[in-house]
């Protein structure tokens, strides 16, 4: 698996595809320098060939904004980078066919232990 995330231009998407990425990611989080709007993410998603999975990265989104983002972008995967609860991610996992990924920071040992709480809520845990 090769995931290239933070793509924000058509040229970046094309380069990731040419580099044989299996997953391309779009960050929808306004404080991020790699932030793209939902309209931008949807337009970039349209450039991604079939067979390459699209990852939408969200941070601390509530249910309605998450549903809006999923509807607009149509990702294959939703990757969460905030303080989302295991219960929220488990509920989403039960009610959508999408893969749910949870990123956990690795700066502190306690975070590695915290990751265990997400083992049944997320399809994948990413250590970041």
N, C-alpha and C. Protein backbone atom coordinates (compact mmCIF):
# COMPACT_ATOMS: atom_id res chain seq x y z
N UNK A 1 0.84 -1.17 0.00
CA UNK A 1 0.00 0.00 0.00
C UNK A 1 0.89 1.24 0.00
N UNK A 2 0.59 2.16 -0.89
CA UNK A 2 1.29 3.45 -0.95
C UNK A 2 0.23 4.53 -0.94
N UNK A 3 0.21 5.33 0.14
CA UNK A 3 -0.75 6.42 0.25
C UNK A 3 0.00 7.74 0.17
N UNK A 4 -0.46 8.59 -0.72
CA UNK A 4 0.10 9.94 -0.83
C UNK A 4 -1.02 10.89 -0.47
N UNK A 5 -0.81 11.65 0.61
CA UNK A 5 -1.87 12.47 1.18
C UNK A 5 -1.51 13.95 1.09
N UNK A 6 -2.52 14.78 1.27
CA UNK A 6 -2.30 16.22 1.24
C UNK A 6 -2.28 16.79 -0.16
N UNK A 7 -2.86 16.06 -1.10
CA UNK A 7 -2.87 16.52 -2.49
C UNK A 7 -3.87 17.66 -2.63
N UNK A 8 -3.46 18.69 -3.37
CA UNK A 8 -4.33 19.87 -3.46
C UNK A 8 -4.44 20.46 -4.86
N UNK A 9 -3.77 19.86 -5.82
CA UNK A 9 -3.85 20.36 -7.19
C UNK A 9 -4.00 19.18 -8.15
N UNK A 10 -4.53 19.43 -9.34
CA UNK A 10 -4.60 18.35 -10.34
C UNK A 10 -3.23 17.76 -10.65
N UNK A 11 -2.22 18.61 -10.68
CA UNK A 11 -0.86 18.13 -10.99
C UNK A 11 -0.36 17.17 -9.91
N UNK A 12 -0.70 17.47 -8.67
CA UNK A 12 -0.29 16.58 -7.57
C UNK A 12 -1.00 15.23 -7.68
N UNK A 13 -2.27 15.24 -8.02
CA UNK A 13 -3.01 13.99 -8.20
C UNK A 13 -2.38 13.19 -9.34
N UNK A 14 -2.11 13.85 -10.45
CA UNK A 14 -1.51 13.16 -11.60
C UNK A 14 -0.15 12.57 -11.24
N UNK A 15 0.64 13.30 -10.46
CA UNK A 15 1.95 12.80 -10.04
C UNK A 15 1.81 11.58 -9.12
N UNK A 16 0.85 11.61 -8.22
CA UNK A 16 0.63 10.47 -7.32
C UNK A 16 0.20 9.25 -8.11
N UNK A 17 -0.66 9.45 -9.09
CA UNK A 17 -1.10 8.35 -9.95
C UNK A 17 0.09 7.79 -10.73
N UNK A 18 0.90 8.68 -11.29
CA UNK A 18 2.08 8.25 -12.05
C UNK A 18 3.07 7.50 -11.16
N UNK A 19 3.11 7.86 -9.87
CA UNK A 19 4.02 7.20 -8.93
C UNK A 19 3.46 5.87 -8.42
N UNK A 20 2.30 5.48 -8.93
CA UNK A 20 1.65 4.21 -8.61
C UNK A 20 1.13 4.14 -7.18
N UNK A 21 0.65 5.27 -6.69
CA UNK A 21 0.01 5.26 -5.37
C UNK A 21 -1.22 4.36 -5.42
N UNK A 22 -1.45 3.66 -4.35
CA UNK A 22 -2.66 2.84 -4.24
C UNK A 22 -3.80 3.64 -3.61
N UNK A 23 -3.42 4.69 -2.86
CA UNK A 23 -4.37 5.55 -2.17
C UNK A 23 -3.90 7.00 -2.32
N UNK A 24 -4.84 7.90 -2.59
CA UNK A 24 -4.53 9.33 -2.62
C UNK A 24 -5.43 10.02 -1.60
N UNK A 25 -4.88 11.01 -0.91
CA UNK A 25 -5.63 11.63 0.17
C UNK A 25 -5.81 13.12 0.04
N UNK A 26 -6.98 13.56 0.49
CA UNK A 26 -7.33 14.98 0.49
C UNK A 26 -7.66 15.40 1.92
N UNK A 27 -7.04 16.47 2.36
CA UNK A 27 -7.20 16.97 3.73
C UNK A 27 -8.30 18.02 3.75
N UNK A 28 -9.36 17.74 4.48
CA UNK A 28 -10.43 18.74 4.65
C UNK A 28 -10.41 19.17 6.12
N UNK A 29 -9.50 20.10 6.40
CA UNK A 29 -9.31 20.64 7.75
C UNK A 29 -8.72 22.03 7.59
N UNK A 30 -9.55 23.08 7.71
CA UNK A 30 -9.11 24.44 7.39
C UNK A 30 -7.79 24.90 8.00
N UNK A 31 -7.43 24.53 9.23
CA UNK A 31 -6.13 24.99 9.74
C UNK A 31 -4.92 24.40 9.02
N UNK A 32 -5.10 23.32 8.29
CA UNK A 32 -3.98 22.67 7.62
C UNK A 32 -3.54 23.45 6.38
N UNK A 33 -2.24 23.55 6.16
CA UNK A 33 -1.77 24.19 4.92
C UNK A 33 -2.13 23.38 3.67
N UNK A 34 -2.51 22.13 3.85
CA UNK A 34 -2.90 21.27 2.72
C UNK A 34 -4.42 21.17 2.57
N UNK A 35 -5.15 21.99 3.30
CA UNK A 35 -6.62 21.96 3.28
C UNK A 35 -7.17 22.20 1.87
N UNK A 36 -8.18 21.40 1.53
CA UNK A 36 -8.96 21.64 0.32
C UNK A 36 -10.43 21.69 0.73
N UNK A 37 -11.19 22.52 0.04
CA UNK A 37 -12.63 22.58 0.29
C UNK A 37 -13.27 21.29 -0.22
N UNK A 38 -14.51 21.07 0.14
CA UNK A 38 -15.21 19.88 -0.36
C UNK A 38 -15.36 19.93 -1.87
N UNK A 39 -15.63 21.11 -2.42
CA UNK A 39 -15.73 21.24 -3.88
C UNK A 39 -14.40 20.92 -4.55
N UNK A 40 -13.30 21.42 -3.98
CA UNK A 40 -11.98 21.12 -4.54
C UNK A 40 -11.69 19.62 -4.44
N UNK A 41 -11.98 19.02 -3.30
CA UNK A 41 -11.73 17.59 -3.12
C UNK A 41 -12.55 16.77 -4.12
N UNK A 42 -13.79 17.16 -4.35
CA UNK A 42 -14.64 16.44 -5.31
C UNK A 42 -14.07 16.55 -6.72
N UNK A 43 -13.60 17.73 -7.08
CA UNK A 43 -13.00 17.92 -8.42
C UNK A 43 -11.72 17.10 -8.56
N UNK A 44 -10.90 17.08 -7.52
CA UNK A 44 -9.67 16.28 -7.56
C UNK A 44 -10.00 14.79 -7.60
N UNK A 45 -11.02 14.39 -6.88
CA UNK A 45 -11.43 13.00 -6.86
C UNK A 45 -11.82 12.52 -8.25
N UNK A 46 -12.41 13.40 -9.03
CA UNK A 46 -12.83 13.05 -10.39
C UNK A 46 -11.64 12.70 -11.28
N UNK A 47 -10.45 13.14 -10.92
CA UNK A 47 -9.24 12.85 -11.70
C UNK A 47 -8.64 11.49 -11.37
N UNK A 48 -9.07 10.91 -10.26
CA UNK A 48 -8.44 9.67 -9.78
C UNK A 48 -9.00 8.48 -10.55
N UNK A 49 -8.12 7.72 -11.20
CA UNK A 49 -8.59 6.57 -11.97
C UNK A 49 -9.18 5.48 -11.08
N UNK A 50 -10.05 4.70 -11.67
CA UNK A 50 -10.62 3.55 -10.97
C UNK A 50 -9.47 2.64 -10.54
N UNK A 51 -9.58 2.05 -9.38
CA UNK A 51 -8.53 1.17 -8.88
C UNK A 51 -7.62 1.83 -7.86
N UNK A 52 -7.65 3.15 -7.81
CA UNK A 52 -6.90 3.89 -6.79
C UNK A 52 -7.92 4.39 -5.78
N UNK A 53 -7.68 4.12 -4.52
CA UNK A 53 -8.63 4.51 -3.48
C UNK A 53 -8.42 5.95 -3.04
N UNK A 54 -9.54 6.61 -2.78
CA UNK A 54 -9.52 8.00 -2.33
C UNK A 54 -9.77 8.05 -0.83
N UNK A 55 -8.88 8.76 -0.14
CA UNK A 55 -8.95 8.92 1.31
C UNK A 55 -9.30 10.37 1.62
N UNK A 56 -10.32 10.58 2.42
CA UNK A 56 -10.69 11.91 2.87
C UNK A 56 -10.29 12.03 4.33
N UNK A 57 -9.41 12.97 4.63
CA UNK A 57 -8.92 13.17 5.99
C UNK A 57 -9.74 14.25 6.67
N UNK A 58 -10.30 13.93 7.82
CA UNK A 58 -11.10 14.86 8.62
C UNK A 58 -10.53 14.92 10.03
N UNK A 59 -10.79 16.05 10.70
CA UNK A 59 -10.33 16.23 12.08
C UNK A 59 -11.50 16.73 12.92
N UNK A 60 -11.89 15.93 13.89
CA UNK A 60 -12.93 16.31 14.87
C UNK A 60 -14.25 16.73 14.23
N UNK A 61 -14.62 16.12 13.13
CA UNK A 61 -15.91 16.44 12.51
C UNK A 61 -17.04 15.71 13.23
N UNK A 62 -18.15 16.37 13.33
CA UNK A 62 -19.36 15.81 13.92
C UNK A 62 -20.14 15.06 12.82
N UNK A 63 -21.20 14.35 13.19
CA UNK A 63 -21.91 13.52 12.21
C UNK A 63 -22.42 14.25 10.97
N UNK A 64 -23.09 15.38 11.12
CA UNK A 64 -23.64 16.04 9.93
C UNK A 64 -22.56 16.55 8.98
N UNK A 65 -21.52 17.24 9.46
CA UNK A 65 -20.46 17.64 8.54
C UNK A 65 -19.73 16.44 7.91
N UNK A 66 -19.61 15.36 8.67
CA UNK A 66 -18.98 14.15 8.11
C UNK A 66 -19.83 13.59 6.98
N UNK A 67 -21.14 13.50 7.19
CA UNK A 67 -22.04 13.00 6.15
C UNK A 67 -21.99 13.89 4.91
N UNK A 68 -21.96 15.20 5.12
CA UNK A 68 -21.87 16.14 3.99
C UNK A 68 -20.57 15.94 3.22
N UNK A 69 -19.47 15.76 3.94
CA UNK A 69 -18.18 15.55 3.28
C UNK A 69 -18.17 14.25 2.48
N UNK A 70 -18.71 13.20 3.06
CA UNK A 70 -18.75 11.91 2.37
C UNK A 70 -19.61 12.01 1.11
N UNK A 71 -20.74 12.67 1.22
CA UNK A 71 -21.62 12.82 0.06
C UNK A 71 -20.96 13.65 -1.04
N UNK A 72 -20.24 14.69 -0.67
CA UNK A 72 -19.62 15.57 -1.66
C UNK A 72 -18.43 14.92 -2.36
N UNK A 73 -17.59 14.23 -1.60
CA UNK A 73 -16.32 13.73 -2.14
C UNK A 73 -16.41 12.28 -2.62
N UNK A 74 -17.28 11.49 -2.01
CA UNK A 74 -17.41 10.07 -2.35
C UNK A 74 -16.09 9.31 -2.17
N UNK A 75 -15.48 9.42 -1.00
CA UNK A 75 -14.22 8.71 -0.79
C UNK A 75 -14.44 7.21 -0.59
N UNK A 76 -13.36 6.47 -0.67
CA UNK A 76 -13.38 5.05 -0.34
C UNK A 76 -13.05 4.84 1.14
N UNK A 77 -12.32 5.81 1.68
CA UNK A 77 -11.82 5.73 3.05
C UNK A 77 -12.02 7.10 3.70
N UNK A 78 -12.41 7.11 4.98
CA UNK A 78 -12.39 8.34 5.76
C UNK A 78 -11.38 8.14 6.88
N UNK A 79 -10.40 9.04 6.92
CA UNK A 79 -9.32 8.96 7.90
C UNK A 79 -9.51 10.08 8.91
N UNK A 80 -9.56 9.72 10.19
CA UNK A 80 -9.78 10.69 11.25
C UNK A 80 -8.49 10.96 12.02
N UNK A 81 -8.22 12.26 12.25
CA UNK A 81 -6.98 12.67 12.89
C UNK A 81 -7.17 13.45 14.18
N UNK A 82 -8.36 13.45 14.72
CA UNK A 82 -8.60 14.27 15.90
C UNK A 82 -8.81 13.44 17.15
N UNK A 83 -9.71 13.93 17.98
CA UNK A 83 -10.02 13.27 19.25
C UNK A 83 -11.35 12.53 19.16
N UNK A 84 -11.66 12.04 17.99
CA UNK A 84 -12.91 11.30 17.79
C UNK A 84 -12.93 10.09 18.74
N UNK A 85 -14.11 9.80 19.26
CA UNK A 85 -14.22 8.67 20.18
C UNK A 85 -14.33 7.36 19.42
N UNK A 86 -13.92 6.27 20.05
CA UNK A 86 -14.11 4.96 19.42
C UNK A 86 -15.58 4.69 19.14
N UNK A 87 -16.46 5.18 20.00
CA UNK A 87 -17.89 4.95 19.81
C UNK A 87 -18.40 5.62 18.54
N UNK A 88 -17.95 6.85 18.29
CA UNK A 88 -18.36 7.58 17.09
C UNK A 88 -17.86 6.87 15.84
N UNK A 89 -16.60 6.44 15.85
CA UNK A 89 -16.07 5.76 14.68
C UNK A 89 -16.74 4.40 14.47
N UNK A 90 -17.04 3.70 15.56
CA UNK A 90 -17.73 2.41 15.44
C UNK A 90 -19.12 2.59 14.84
N UNK A 91 -19.81 3.63 15.26
CA UNK A 91 -21.14 3.92 14.71
C UNK A 91 -21.05 4.21 13.21
N UNK A 92 -20.07 5.01 12.83
CA UNK A 92 -19.87 5.31 11.41
C UNK A 92 -19.53 4.04 10.64
N UNK A 93 -18.66 3.24 11.20
CA UNK A 93 -18.27 2.00 10.54
C UNK A 93 -19.47 1.08 10.32
N UNK A 94 -20.38 1.04 11.28
CA UNK A 94 -21.56 0.18 11.17
C UNK A 94 -22.56 0.69 10.14
N UNK A 95 -22.51 1.98 9.84
CA UNK A 95 -23.54 2.59 9.00
C UNK A 95 -23.05 3.09 7.65
N UNK A 96 -21.86 2.68 7.27
CA UNK A 96 -21.35 3.08 5.96
C UNK A 96 -20.50 1.95 5.40
N UNK A 97 -20.46 1.81 4.08
CA UNK A 97 -19.60 0.79 3.49
C UNK A 97 -18.13 1.23 3.39
N UNK A 98 -17.85 2.46 3.79
CA UNK A 98 -16.50 3.00 3.66
C UNK A 98 -15.56 2.40 4.70
N UNK A 99 -14.28 2.39 4.35
CA UNK A 99 -13.27 2.04 5.34
C UNK A 99 -13.09 3.23 6.28
N UNK A 100 -12.90 2.95 7.55
CA UNK A 100 -12.67 3.97 8.55
C UNK A 100 -11.26 3.76 9.10
N UNK A 101 -10.45 4.82 9.02
CA UNK A 101 -9.09 4.77 9.55
C UNK A 101 -8.96 5.79 10.67
N UNK A 102 -8.17 5.46 11.67
CA UNK A 102 -7.92 6.38 12.78
C UNK A 102 -6.42 6.59 12.92
N UNK A 103 -6.01 7.85 12.89
CA UNK A 103 -4.60 8.19 13.09
C UNK A 103 -4.37 8.48 14.57
N UNK A 104 -3.26 7.96 15.07
CA UNK A 104 -2.87 8.15 16.46
C UNK A 104 -1.45 8.69 16.48
N UNK A 105 -1.23 9.77 17.22
CA UNK A 105 0.12 10.32 17.36
C UNK A 105 1.00 9.37 18.16
N UNK A 106 2.27 9.36 17.86
CA UNK A 106 3.18 8.44 18.55
C UNK A 106 4.21 9.18 19.41
N UNK A 107 3.95 10.40 19.75
CA UNK A 107 4.91 11.15 20.57
C UNK A 107 4.96 10.67 22.00
N UNK A 108 3.89 10.04 22.46
CA UNK A 108 3.84 9.56 23.84
C UNK A 108 3.43 8.09 23.87
N UNK A 109 4.04 7.34 24.76
CA UNK A 109 3.71 5.92 24.89
C UNK A 109 2.23 5.71 25.19
N UNK A 110 1.64 6.61 25.95
CA UNK A 110 0.21 6.48 26.29
C UNK A 110 -0.66 6.45 25.05
N UNK A 111 -0.24 7.14 23.99
CA UNK A 111 -1.02 7.13 22.75
C UNK A 111 -1.04 5.74 22.11
N UNK A 112 0.06 5.02 22.24
CA UNK A 112 0.10 3.67 21.70
C UNK A 112 -0.91 2.78 22.43
N UNK A 113 -1.01 2.97 23.73
CA UNK A 113 -2.00 2.22 24.50
C UNK A 113 -3.42 2.67 24.14
N UNK A 114 -3.59 3.97 23.93
CA UNK A 114 -4.90 4.52 23.56
C UNK A 114 -5.39 3.93 22.24
N UNK A 115 -4.48 3.63 21.35
CA UNK A 115 -4.85 3.08 20.04
C UNK A 115 -5.64 1.79 20.17
N UNK A 116 -5.39 1.03 21.22
CA UNK A 116 -6.11 -0.23 21.41
C UNK A 116 -7.62 -0.03 21.54
N UNK A 117 -8.03 1.14 22.01
CA UNK A 117 -9.46 1.42 22.14
C UNK A 117 -10.17 1.48 20.79
N UNK A 118 -9.40 1.68 19.72
CA UNK A 118 -9.98 1.84 18.38
C UNK A 118 -9.93 0.56 17.55
N UNK A 119 -9.41 -0.52 18.11
CA UNK A 119 -9.20 -1.72 17.30
C UNK A 119 -10.47 -2.28 16.68
N UNK A 120 -11.61 -2.11 17.34
CA UNK A 120 -12.88 -2.58 16.77
C UNK A 120 -13.67 -1.48 16.08
N UNK A 121 -13.22 -0.24 16.23
CA UNK A 121 -13.93 0.90 15.66
C UNK A 121 -13.42 1.27 14.28
N UNK A 122 -12.16 1.05 14.04
CA UNK A 122 -11.54 1.45 12.76
C UNK A 122 -11.01 0.22 12.03
N UNK A 123 -11.05 0.30 10.71
CA UNK A 123 -10.49 -0.78 9.90
C UNK A 123 -8.96 -0.79 10.00
N UNK A 124 -8.39 0.41 10.12
CA UNK A 124 -6.93 0.54 10.23
C UNK A 124 -6.59 1.60 11.26
N UNK A 125 -5.47 1.38 11.92
CA UNK A 125 -4.89 2.38 12.82
C UNK A 125 -3.60 2.85 12.16
N UNK A 126 -3.46 4.16 12.02
CA UNK A 126 -2.24 4.74 11.45
C UNK A 126 -1.48 5.42 12.58
N UNK A 127 -0.23 5.09 12.72
CA UNK A 127 0.61 5.75 13.72
C UNK A 127 1.33 6.88 13.03
N UNK A 128 1.09 8.09 13.52
CA UNK A 128 1.57 9.29 12.83
C UNK A 128 2.46 10.11 13.75
